[in-house]
Protein backbone atom coordinates (compact mmCIF):
# COMPACT_ATOMS: atom_id res chain seq x y z
CA MET A 1 190.63 16.99 -8.81
CA PRO A 2 194.17 18.31 -8.37
CA LYS A 3 194.68 21.38 -6.25
CA LEU A 4 194.29 24.58 -8.27
CA PRO A 5 197.19 26.98 -8.65
CA LYS A 6 197.19 29.88 -6.17
CA LYS A 7 196.47 32.54 -8.83
CA LEU A 8 193.52 30.53 -10.13
CA ARG A 9 192.10 30.13 -6.59
CA ASN A 10 192.31 33.90 -6.05
CA LEU A 11 190.54 34.58 -9.34
CA PHE A 12 187.86 32.06 -8.39
CA LYS A 13 187.19 33.96 -5.16
CA LYS A 14 186.68 37.15 -7.16
CA LYS A 15 184.29 35.34 -9.48
CA LYS A 16 182.25 34.08 -6.51
CA LYS A 17 181.83 37.70 -5.47
CA GLY A 18 180.16 38.36 -8.81
CA GLU A 19 183.09 39.97 -10.56
CA ASP A 20 183.20 39.24 -14.30
CA ASN A 21 186.74 38.11 -14.92
CA ALA A 22 187.76 36.85 -18.38
CA GLU A 23 191.22 36.02 -17.06
CA TYR A 24 189.62 33.44 -14.76
CA GLU A 25 187.96 31.62 -17.66
CA GLN A 26 191.23 31.58 -19.62
CA MET A 27 193.14 30.21 -16.66
CA VAL A 28 190.55 27.49 -16.03
CA GLU A 29 190.90 26.31 -19.61
CA ARG A 30 194.70 26.47 -19.41
CA HIS A 31 194.70 24.48 -16.16
CA GLU A 32 192.42 21.80 -17.63
CA VAL A 33 194.64 21.57 -20.68
CA GLU A 34 197.77 21.20 -18.56
CA GLU A 35 196.14 18.39 -16.60
CA VAL A 36 195.18 16.60 -19.81
CA LEU A 37 198.69 16.92 -21.19
CA LYS A 38 199.83 15.08 -18.04
CA ASP A 39 197.07 12.49 -18.21
CA PRO A 40 195.35 11.91 -21.61
CA THR A 41 192.90 9.44 -20.06
CA LYS A 42 190.91 12.48 -18.87
CA LEU A 43 189.78 13.07 -22.47
CA ALA A 44 186.47 11.67 -23.71
CA PHE A 45 185.43 10.91 -27.31
CA ARG A 46 182.00 10.32 -28.75
CA VAL A 47 181.30 6.74 -29.84
CA GLN A 48 178.48 4.80 -31.44
CA LEU A 49 177.85 1.36 -32.87
CA ALA A 50 178.28 1.72 -36.65
CA HIS A 51 175.06 -0.17 -37.44
CA GLY A 52 173.06 2.11 -35.16
CA SER A 53 172.88 3.01 -31.45
CA SER A 54 172.70 5.95 -29.14
CA THR A 55 175.88 7.97 -28.69
CA LYS A 56 178.10 7.46 -25.66
CA ASN A 57 181.37 8.93 -24.44
CA VAL A 58 184.51 6.81 -23.98
CA SER A 59 187.47 7.79 -21.81
CA ASN A 60 189.94 6.39 -19.33
CA PHE A 61 192.06 4.36 -21.79
CA ALA A 62 195.84 4.43 -22.10
CA ASN A 63 196.40 2.18 -25.13
CA ILE A 64 194.48 0.39 -27.89
CA SER A 65 193.69 -2.66 -25.79
CA GLN A 66 192.15 -0.51 -23.09
CA LEU A 67 190.20 1.44 -25.70
CA TYR A 68 188.56 -1.77 -26.95
CA ASP A 69 187.77 -2.79 -23.37
CA ARG A 70 186.21 0.59 -22.63
CA LEU A 71 184.24 0.60 -25.91
CA ALA A 72 182.77 -2.78 -25.03
CA THR A 73 181.73 -1.52 -21.60
CA VAL A 74 180.13 1.77 -22.66
CA LEU A 75 178.35 0.23 -25.67
CA ASP A 76 177.35 -2.93 -23.79
CA VAL A 77 178.81 -5.41 -26.30
CA ASN A 78 181.22 -8.33 -25.98
CA GLU A 79 184.78 -7.11 -26.50
CA SER A 80 185.59 -10.11 -28.73
CA SER A 81 182.74 -9.10 -31.06
CA ILE A 82 184.39 -5.77 -31.96
CA LEU A 83 186.05 -6.07 -35.38
CA PHE A 84 187.36 -2.54 -35.92
CA CYS A 85 186.61 1.16 -35.52
CA THR A 86 186.26 3.89 -38.13
CA ILE A 87 186.58 7.62 -37.64
CA ASN A 88 183.82 10.07 -38.62
CA ASN A 89 182.17 7.55 -40.99
CA PHE A 90 179.78 4.77 -39.94
CA ALA A 91 180.09 2.98 -43.30
CA VAL A 92 182.36 -0.03 -43.84
CA ASP A 93 185.03 2.12 -45.50
CA MET A 94 188.51 0.99 -44.57
CA GLU A 95 190.00 4.33 -45.57
CA PHE A 96 188.51 5.66 -42.34
CA LEU A 97 189.92 2.89 -40.15
CA ILE A 98 191.19 4.22 -36.84
CA GLY A 99 194.98 4.63 -36.99
CA GLY A 100 197.80 5.93 -34.85
CA THR A 101 196.26 9.36 -34.24
CA ILE A 102 192.84 10.54 -33.08
CA ASN A 103 191.95 14.21 -33.48
CA MET A 104 190.18 15.73 -30.56
CA ASP A 105 186.79 16.15 -32.24
CA ASP A 106 186.79 12.76 -33.98
CA PHE A 107 183.69 10.56 -33.70
CA ILE A 108 184.44 6.85 -33.26
CA TYR A 109 182.17 4.27 -34.92
CA VAL A 110 182.46 0.69 -33.67
CA HIS A 111 181.91 -2.18 -36.10
CA ILE A 112 180.96 -5.51 -34.54
CA ALA A 113 180.84 -9.05 -35.92
CA GLY A 114 178.03 -9.98 -38.28
CA LYS A 115 177.73 -13.00 -40.59
CA THR A 116 180.43 -15.70 -40.71
CA LYS A 117 181.20 -17.16 -44.15
CA GLU A 118 183.54 -19.85 -45.49
CA VAL A 119 185.06 -19.37 -48.94
CA THR A 120 187.00 -21.94 -50.95
CA VAL A 121 189.60 -20.09 -53.01
CA ASN A 122 191.68 -21.46 -55.87
CA LYS A 123 195.13 -19.90 -55.65
CA SER A 124 195.71 -19.63 -59.37
CA GLU A 125 198.41 -16.95 -58.97
CA ALA A 126 201.18 -16.29 -56.44
CA ALA A 127 199.36 -13.21 -55.05
CA ILE A 128 195.64 -13.46 -54.42
CA GLY A 129 195.22 -9.67 -54.53
CA ILE A 130 194.11 -8.57 -51.09
CA THR A 131 195.70 -5.94 -48.86
CA ILE A 132 195.56 -6.83 -45.17
CA THR A 133 195.41 -4.56 -42.17
CA ASP A 134 194.56 -5.24 -38.55
CA ASN A 135 192.70 -3.58 -35.72
CA GLY A 136 195.65 -3.46 -33.35
CA HIS A 137 193.85 -5.88 -31.04
CA GLY A 138 194.21 -9.34 -32.52
CA LYS A 139 192.07 -9.25 -35.67
CA ALA A 140 193.44 -9.16 -39.22
CA LEU A 141 191.15 -7.51 -41.76
CA VAL A 142 190.71 -7.23 -45.51
CA LYS A 143 191.67 -3.64 -46.29
CA ARG A 144 191.04 -3.78 -50.05
CA VAL A 145 190.57 -6.26 -52.91
CA LYS A 146 192.59 -5.56 -56.05
CA ALA A 147 190.48 -5.34 -59.23
CA GLY A 148 191.09 -8.27 -61.60
CA SER A 149 192.87 -10.32 -58.92
CA VAL A 150 192.20 -13.87 -57.76
CA ALA A 151 190.26 -12.57 -54.73
CA SER A 152 188.10 -10.31 -56.87
CA LYS A 153 186.51 -13.41 -58.44
CA TYR A 154 184.99 -14.30 -55.09
CA LYS A 155 182.24 -11.84 -54.30
CA GLU A 156 182.09 -13.02 -50.68
CA ILE A 157 185.53 -11.50 -49.96
CA LEU A 158 184.95 -7.87 -49.03
CA PRO A 159 186.80 -4.97 -47.40
CA GLY A 160 186.16 -5.01 -43.65
CA ASP A 161 186.02 -8.80 -43.43
CA HIS A 162 187.93 -10.29 -40.48
CA ILE A 163 190.17 -13.21 -41.56
CA GLN A 164 189.28 -15.69 -38.84
CA SER A 165 191.06 -18.80 -40.15
CA ILE A 166 192.92 -20.22 -43.15
CA ASN A 167 192.67 -23.96 -43.81
CA GLY A 168 191.49 -24.48 -40.27
CA GLU A 169 194.38 -22.57 -38.69
CA SER A 170 193.11 -19.73 -36.50
CA MET A 171 194.33 -16.26 -37.43
CA VAL A 172 192.86 -14.65 -34.33
CA GLY A 173 195.65 -12.87 -32.47
CA SER A 174 197.87 -12.73 -35.59
CA ARG A 175 199.28 -9.52 -36.99
CA HIS A 176 198.49 -8.54 -40.58
CA TYR A 177 201.97 -9.42 -41.86
CA GLU A 178 201.71 -12.89 -40.27
CA VAL A 179 198.43 -13.55 -42.08
CA ALA A 180 199.93 -12.24 -45.35
CA LYS A 181 202.86 -14.61 -44.85
CA VAL A 182 200.50 -17.60 -44.43
CA LEU A 183 198.65 -16.72 -47.65
CA LYS A 184 201.92 -16.22 -49.51
CA SER A 185 203.22 -19.62 -48.37
CA LEU A 186 200.30 -21.53 -49.89
CA PRO A 187 201.37 -23.29 -53.14
CA VAL A 188 200.02 -21.90 -56.41
CA GLY A 189 197.25 -24.08 -57.86
CA ILE A 190 195.76 -25.39 -54.63
CA ASP A 191 192.30 -24.76 -53.21
CA PHE A 192 192.25 -23.35 -49.68
CA LYS A 193 189.49 -22.45 -47.28
CA VAL A 194 189.25 -19.10 -45.57
CA VAL A 195 186.68 -18.29 -42.86
CA LEU A 196 185.68 -14.61 -42.83
CA VAL A 197 183.53 -12.61 -40.45
CA GLU A 198 181.88 -9.58 -41.98
CA PRO A 199 180.87 -6.51 -39.97
CA LYS A 200 177.23 -6.10 -39.03
CA LYS A 201 175.49 -3.97 -41.64
CA GLU A 202 173.49 -0.79 -41.04
CA PHE A 203 170.21 -2.46 -41.94
CA ASP A 204 170.71 -4.66 -38.84
CA GLN A 205 170.33 -1.45 -36.85
CA ILE A 206 169.38 -2.03 -33.22
CA ALA A 207 168.59 1.55 -32.24
CA PRO A 208 168.10 4.92 -33.92
CA ARG A 209 171.35 6.66 -34.74
CA THR A 210 171.84 9.87 -32.76
CA GLN A 211 174.41 12.52 -33.52
CA LEU A 212 174.93 14.05 -30.09
CA GLY A 213 175.91 12.25 -26.92
CA LYS A 214 175.70 13.50 -23.38
CA THR A 215 177.96 16.52 -22.96
CA THR A 216 180.63 16.06 -20.31
CA ALA A 217 183.52 18.21 -19.16
CA ALA A 218 185.91 15.66 -20.70
CA SER A 219 184.18 15.62 -24.08
CA ASN A 220 183.91 19.42 -24.10
CA LEU A 221 187.62 19.64 -23.34
CA ALA A 222 188.46 17.30 -26.22
CA ARG A 223 186.58 19.54 -28.61
CA THR A 224 188.25 22.65 -27.11
CA LEU A 225 191.60 21.12 -28.01
CA SER A 226 190.48 20.30 -31.57
CA GLY A 227 192.94 21.50 -34.20
CA ARG A 228 195.60 22.24 -31.60
CA VAL A 229 196.79 18.83 -30.44
CA SER A 230 195.95 15.18 -31.19
CA LEU A 231 195.95 11.90 -29.29
CA ARG A 232 198.75 9.51 -30.31
CA LEU A 233 197.31 6.01 -29.92
CA ARG A 234 199.82 3.15 -29.74
CA ARG A 235 199.42 -0.62 -29.66
CA ASP A 236 202.19 -0.96 -27.11
CA GLY A 237 202.80 1.73 -24.55
CA LYS A 238 200.66 4.66 -23.45
CA THR A 239 198.70 7.22 -25.36
CA ALA A 240 200.01 10.74 -25.40
CA VAL A 241 198.72 14.19 -26.33
CA THR A 242 201.00 15.44 -29.08
CA GLU A 243 201.23 18.37 -31.47
CA MET A 244 199.23 18.14 -34.67
CA PRO A 245 201.07 16.21 -37.45
CA SER A 246 203.25 18.38 -39.64
CA ASN A 247 203.10 18.37 -43.44
CA PHE A 248 206.14 16.06 -43.37
CA ASP A 249 204.41 13.66 -40.95
CA ILE A 250 201.23 13.43 -43.03
CA THR A 251 203.01 12.94 -46.38
CA ALA A 252 205.66 10.57 -44.95
CA THR A 253 203.08 8.37 -43.19
CA LYS A 254 201.09 7.99 -46.41
CA GLU A 255 204.25 7.12 -48.39
CA VAL A 256 205.38 4.57 -45.80
CA ASP A 257 201.92 2.96 -45.79
CA ASP A 258 202.14 2.66 -49.59
CA ILE A 259 205.58 1.02 -49.33
CA LEU A 260 204.29 -1.48 -46.74
CA GLU A 261 201.45 -2.41 -49.09
CA ASN A 262 203.78 -2.83 -52.08
CA TYR A 263 206.28 -5.01 -50.23
CA LEU A 264 204.20 -6.87 -47.67
CA GLY A 265 200.57 -6.65 -48.81
CA ILE A 266 199.57 -4.81 -45.63
CA ARG A 267 198.43 -1.31 -44.70
CA ASP A 268 198.80 0.02 -41.18
CA SER A 269 198.79 3.74 -40.47
CA GLU A 270 199.81 3.21 -36.84
CA MET A 271 202.89 1.24 -37.93
CA ALA A 272 203.61 3.82 -40.65
CA THR A 273 203.39 6.63 -38.06
CA SER A 274 205.79 4.74 -35.77
CA ILE A 275 208.26 4.25 -38.63
CA VAL A 276 208.19 7.98 -39.38
CA GLU A 277 208.76 8.73 -35.68
CA VAL A 278 211.78 6.37 -35.65
CA TYR A 279 213.16 8.07 -38.78
CA LYS A 280 212.85 11.52 -37.17
CA GLU A 281 214.76 10.20 -34.18
CA LYS A 282 217.42 8.35 -36.20
CA SER A 283 217.60 10.10 -39.58
CA SER A 284 221.39 10.60 -39.62
CA HIS A 285 222.52 7.02 -40.18
CA MET A 286 220.66 4.17 -41.92
CA ALA A 287 222.23 1.58 -39.56
CA ASP A 288 220.80 3.36 -36.50
CA PHE A 289 217.40 3.67 -38.20
CA ALA A 290 217.41 -0.06 -39.01
CA GLU A 291 218.48 -1.12 -35.55
CA LEU A 292 215.79 0.93 -33.82
CA LEU A 293 213.14 -0.47 -36.15
CA LYS A 294 214.27 -4.01 -35.43
CA THR A 295 214.32 -3.58 -31.67
CA LYS A 296 210.99 -1.78 -31.57
CA PHE A 297 208.50 -3.81 -33.60
CA LEU A 298 209.69 -4.97 -37.01
CA VAL A 299 212.33 -7.64 -36.30
CA ASP A 300 211.08 -10.28 -38.73
CA LEU A 301 209.95 -7.89 -41.41
CA ILE A 302 213.20 -5.97 -41.61
CA SER A 303 215.59 -8.89 -41.19
CA GLU A 304 213.86 -10.77 -43.99
CA ASN A 305 213.53 -7.84 -46.39
CA GLU A 306 216.54 -5.54 -46.57
CA LYS A 307 215.18 -4.02 -49.79
CA LEU A 308 212.13 -2.83 -47.84
CA LEU A 309 214.42 -1.14 -45.30
CA TYR A 310 216.42 0.59 -48.05
CA THR A 311 213.23 1.76 -49.77
CA LEU A 312 211.87 3.21 -46.51
CA TRP A 313 215.13 5.00 -45.80
CA SER A 314 215.41 6.39 -49.30
CA LYS A 315 211.83 7.64 -49.52
CA LEU A 316 211.92 9.30 -46.10
CA GLY A 317 215.23 10.95 -46.97
CA GLU A 318 213.75 12.23 -50.19
CA LEU A 319 210.75 13.70 -48.35
CA LYS A 320 213.02 15.26 -45.70
CA ARG A 321 215.06 17.01 -48.43
CA ALA A 322 211.84 18.26 -50.00
CA ASN A 323 210.59 19.78 -46.73
CA PRO A 324 212.10 22.73 -44.88
CA ALA A 325 213.97 21.56 -41.78
CA HIS A 326 211.60 23.42 -39.47
CA ASP A 327 208.63 21.49 -40.85
CA LEU A 328 209.82 18.08 -39.61
CA SER A 329 207.84 18.76 -36.48
CA SER A 330 204.94 21.09 -35.85
CA LYS A 331 204.60 23.27 -32.78
CA ASN A 332 202.10 22.76 -30.01
CA ASN A 333 199.87 25.84 -29.85
CA PHE A 334 199.58 25.64 -26.10
CA GLU A 335 203.34 25.68 -25.76
CA ASP A 336 203.37 28.88 -27.80
CA GLU A 337 200.96 30.49 -25.36
CA SER A 338 202.86 29.50 -22.22
CA ASP A 339 205.91 31.71 -22.87
C-alpha cells in the first residue's frame, strides 16, 4: 500500500482517538480513487460463468488478453474454452458483448465453448448474410444472421457461434474482417463447410447462479466510481480509467459500428470507439485522420476501401457539427472536485 499523504495520516490519528471525522472518510475515498487512476488493475469486477456458477471477482489485468487469462484462473476454466463475455446479461445476446468500455458496476458473464457443429452451406448469393464480430482474443463470432439471407436457411448457424474453420482452414486467431474476407472470396454457387462452436447453454448449468460475490475493497471501489468514470479496455496497450463517454462518443461509436457493418460485414464496438478517439485527435484534416487510422490498426481495411474512409470522415464530421463543441468530451467528476 502506498504511503498515505501527511494530512490523511494526521486525520487517521484523530480517528484512532475516537474522534468522528467525516473529512477523514472523504480523504480515504479520494486517496483510493487517485491510486486507481494511476493503476486501473486495482479495480475488481464481478464475474460468473454464463451457464451458471458462483460469483467471483476479477482484477489485476491491463488489457484484453490479460483479462481472459485472469477470467480463466478465477473461474477455473481453460482459457482457450472462453468464447466471449457479455455485460449484465447471462443470455447469448450479442448486443451485450463486452466492448471497448466497462462501467464500474458492470457484471461480466463468461461464455465458454459448448457443442461443435459442421455445416455445409451453399453460397447461392455473393453475401451469405452474417455479421461477424470477435472477442478481441483470437475468436471470430457470428454477431447476427440477416433475415431472408443464405445463412438464415441453416438453422445451425446462430448468433454467438465461434467460426472455428472454413473449408478446413482454421480461423482461430483471425480478426473478424479477415474471416469476412475469406467468406467473401468464396465463389458464388459452391458448397463450403464451416465448423462452428456454440456457447454452452444455461441448461448445462454446473452450479447455482448467485448474484453477489465476495465483497472486496477493490470491488467496493469499482462500485463507488460507478457513473463517474469508466474503464477503457483495449486489445493492444493498457487499460485506463477515463471519463464517462459523452453524448458525442456514444452516438458516434454507434454510427461507426453501423458503417463497419455496412461496408465490411463486421461489428466491433472497441474498434468503433478507437476510430472515434482517432477522429477527436485528428478531426481537422482528413489526410491526418486517415494516416493515423492506417498506422494504428486499420492498414488493410482503409487502403483497400477509400470509400469507407470517406464515409467515416463525413459521418463523424456531421455528428461533430450537430453537437456543441464542449460536448466532444465529458468531464471527469473527480477532476471537478480536485480544484
